[in-house]
Amino acid sequence: MTQETPKIPKQERRALVRLAWNVAGSVALLLGLIGVVLPVLPTTPFVLVAAFAFSNGSPRMRQWLVSHAVFGPLIADWEAHGAIARPIKRLSCAIMAGVFLVSVIAGVALPILIVQALCLGGAAAYVLSRPDGPQ
């Protein structure tokens, strides 16, 4: 006796996929907003992920992000040129250095500091390797 799995109608499947994209976009945007005040989380990558997710789930939310005074230029530079503006690069690297310095001052164990230095160094190298975008 075999039991067949019920098929989900195409329209319901599309609605579920859009819902998943919207949830992913909302979570990414929330993490990006938290990253504005919490230096451990980067803002820009989460905003870029949110824009991508909303492009598949909610064109209205994507349009809001793209036209946002703060987030819009970040998204436009990235999509047009793969670029991160120079002030954002400076801020990102300063925050990464600050986080590492706090870890050193807090007396974090050396193996953790090494991993943290490698991860933050790699992230900084990637950020610095991106073009500055249009001037």
Protein backbone atom coordinates (compact mmCIF):
# COMPACT_ATOMS: atom_id res chain seq x y z
CA MET A 1 0.00 0.00 0.00
CA THR A 2 1.63 3.25 -1.12
CA GLN A 3 0.49 6.62 -0.05
CA GLU A 4 0.69 9.44 -2.59
CA THR A 5 1.86 12.85 -1.52
CA PRO A 6 -0.79 15.46 -2.23
CA LYS A 7 0.24 17.95 -4.90
CA ILE A 8 0.25 21.62 -4.02
CA PRO A 9 -1.48 23.71 -6.67
CA LYS A 10 0.84 25.96 -8.67
CA GLN A 11 -0.76 29.18 -7.39
CA GLU A 12 -0.32 28.11 -3.75
CA ARG A 13 3.28 27.10 -4.43
CA ARG A 14 4.00 30.55 -5.88
CA ALA A 15 2.43 32.18 -2.83
CA LEU A 16 4.60 30.06 -0.52
CA VAL A 17 7.75 30.92 -2.48
CA ARG A 18 6.92 34.64 -2.36
CA LEU A 19 6.27 34.34 1.37
CA ALA A 20 9.67 32.66 1.85
CA TRP A 21 11.41 35.46 -0.12
CA ASN A 22 9.57 38.08 1.93
CA VAL A 23 10.54 36.42 5.20
CA ALA A 24 14.17 36.22 4.04
CA GLY A 25 14.09 39.88 3.00
CA SER A 26 12.52 40.94 6.28
CA VAL A 27 15.05 39.00 8.37
CA ALA A 28 17.95 40.41 6.33
CA LEU A 29 16.60 43.95 6.65
CA LEU A 30 16.08 43.51 10.39
CA LEU A 31 19.66 42.27 10.78
CA GLY A 32 20.88 45.21 8.70
CA LEU A 33 18.98 47.65 10.91
CA ILE A 34 20.42 46.02 14.01
CA GLY A 35 23.84 46.36 12.38
CA VAL A 36 23.38 50.14 12.25
CA VAL A 37 23.67 50.27 16.05
CA LEU A 38 25.53 47.03 16.77
CA PRO A 39 29.03 47.11 15.30
CA VAL A 40 29.38 43.33 15.17
CA LEU A 41 26.79 43.04 12.38
CA PRO A 42 27.48 44.63 9.01
CA THR A 43 24.62 46.68 7.58
CA THR A 44 25.37 46.83 3.86
CA PRO A 45 25.45 43.09 3.03
CA PHE A 46 22.16 42.51 4.83
CA VAL A 47 20.52 45.42 3.01
CA LEU A 48 21.77 44.04 -0.32
CA VAL A 49 20.40 40.59 0.52
CA ALA A 50 17.08 42.18 1.54
CA ALA A 51 16.88 44.04 -1.79
CA PHE A 52 17.54 40.81 -3.68
CA ALA A 53 15.00 38.84 -1.65
CA PHE A 54 12.34 41.52 -2.01
CA SER A 55 12.91 41.61 -5.78
CA ASN A 56 11.61 38.03 -5.76
CA GLY A 57 8.96 38.46 -3.08
CA SER A 58 7.68 42.03 -2.84
CA PRO A 59 8.41 44.55 -5.57
CA ARG A 60 6.83 47.23 -3.36
CA MET A 61 9.32 46.59 -0.51
CA ARG A 62 12.22 46.50 -2.98
CA GLN A 63 11.11 49.83 -4.41
CA TRP A 64 10.95 51.27 -0.89
CA LEU A 65 14.51 50.08 -0.21
CA VAL A 66 15.87 51.32 -3.53
CA SER A 67 14.30 54.76 -3.04
CA HIS A 68 15.33 55.00 0.65
CA ALA A 69 17.59 58.00 1.32
CA VAL A 70 20.24 55.94 3.17
CA PHE A 71 19.94 52.44 1.71
CA GLY A 72 19.07 53.37 -1.89
CA PRO A 73 22.51 54.67 -2.90
CA LEU A 74 24.22 51.60 -1.38
CA ILE A 75 22.02 49.29 -3.43
CA ALA A 76 22.38 51.35 -6.62
CA ASP A 77 26.19 51.46 -6.37
CA TRP A 78 26.38 47.73 -5.73
CA GLU A 79 24.00 46.75 -8.52
CA ALA A 80 25.48 49.10 -11.11
CA HIS A 81 29.18 48.76 -10.32
CA GLY A 82 29.72 46.12 -7.59
CA ALA A 83 30.93 49.14 -5.65
CA ILE A 84 31.06 50.24 -2.02
CA ALA A 85 31.45 53.98 -1.44
CA ARG A 86 34.75 55.08 0.11
CA PRO A 87 33.16 56.50 3.30
CA ILE A 88 31.36 53.20 3.86
CA LYS A 89 34.64 51.33 3.37
CA ARG A 90 36.36 53.54 5.94
CA LEU A 91 33.53 53.13 8.42
CA SER A 92 33.40 49.36 7.92
CA CYS A 93 37.12 48.90 8.45
CA ALA A 94 37.15 51.23 11.46
CA ILE A 95 34.32 49.27 13.06
CA MET A 96 36.05 45.95 12.36
CA ALA A 97 39.27 47.26 13.91
CA GLY A 98 37.31 48.59 16.88
CA VAL A 99 35.61 45.25 17.45
CA PHE A 100 38.98 43.50 17.36
CA LEU A 101 40.47 46.04 19.76
CA VAL A 102 37.60 45.53 22.20
CA SER A 103 38.24 41.77 22.04
CA VAL A 104 41.93 42.30 22.80
CA ILE A 105 41.15 44.64 25.71
CA ALA A 106 38.54 42.20 27.03
CA GLY A 107 41.21 39.49 27.18
CA VAL A 108 39.67 37.09 24.69
CA ALA A 109 41.69 33.88 24.31
CA LEU A 110 44.44 33.91 21.68
CA PRO A 111 42.94 31.16 19.46
CA ILE A 112 39.68 33.12 19.26
CA LEU A 113 41.58 36.33 18.52
CA ILE A 114 43.40 34.58 15.67
CA VAL A 115 40.13 33.35 14.14
CA GLN A 116 38.57 36.77 14.64
CA ALA A 117 41.58 38.48 13.04
CA LEU A 118 41.43 36.14 10.03
CA CYS A 119 37.68 36.65 9.56
CA LEU A 120 37.77 40.41 10.04
CA GLY A 121 40.90 40.70 7.90
CA GLY A 122 39.24 38.73 5.11
CA ALA A 123 36.09 40.86 5.35
CA ALA A 124 38.16 44.06 5.31
CA ALA A 125 40.18 42.85 2.33
CA TYR A 126 36.97 42.11 0.41
CA VAL A 127 35.44 45.49 1.28
CA LEU A 128 38.63 47.32 0.28
CA SER A 129 38.92 45.36 -2.97
CA ARG A 130 35.55 46.61 -4.24
CA PRO A 131 35.54 49.63 -6.53
CA ASP A 132 34.60 53.01 -4.99
CA GLY A 133 31.82 53.57 -7.51
CA PRO A 134 31.04 56.74 -9.40
CA GLN A 135 32.48 59.91 -7.91
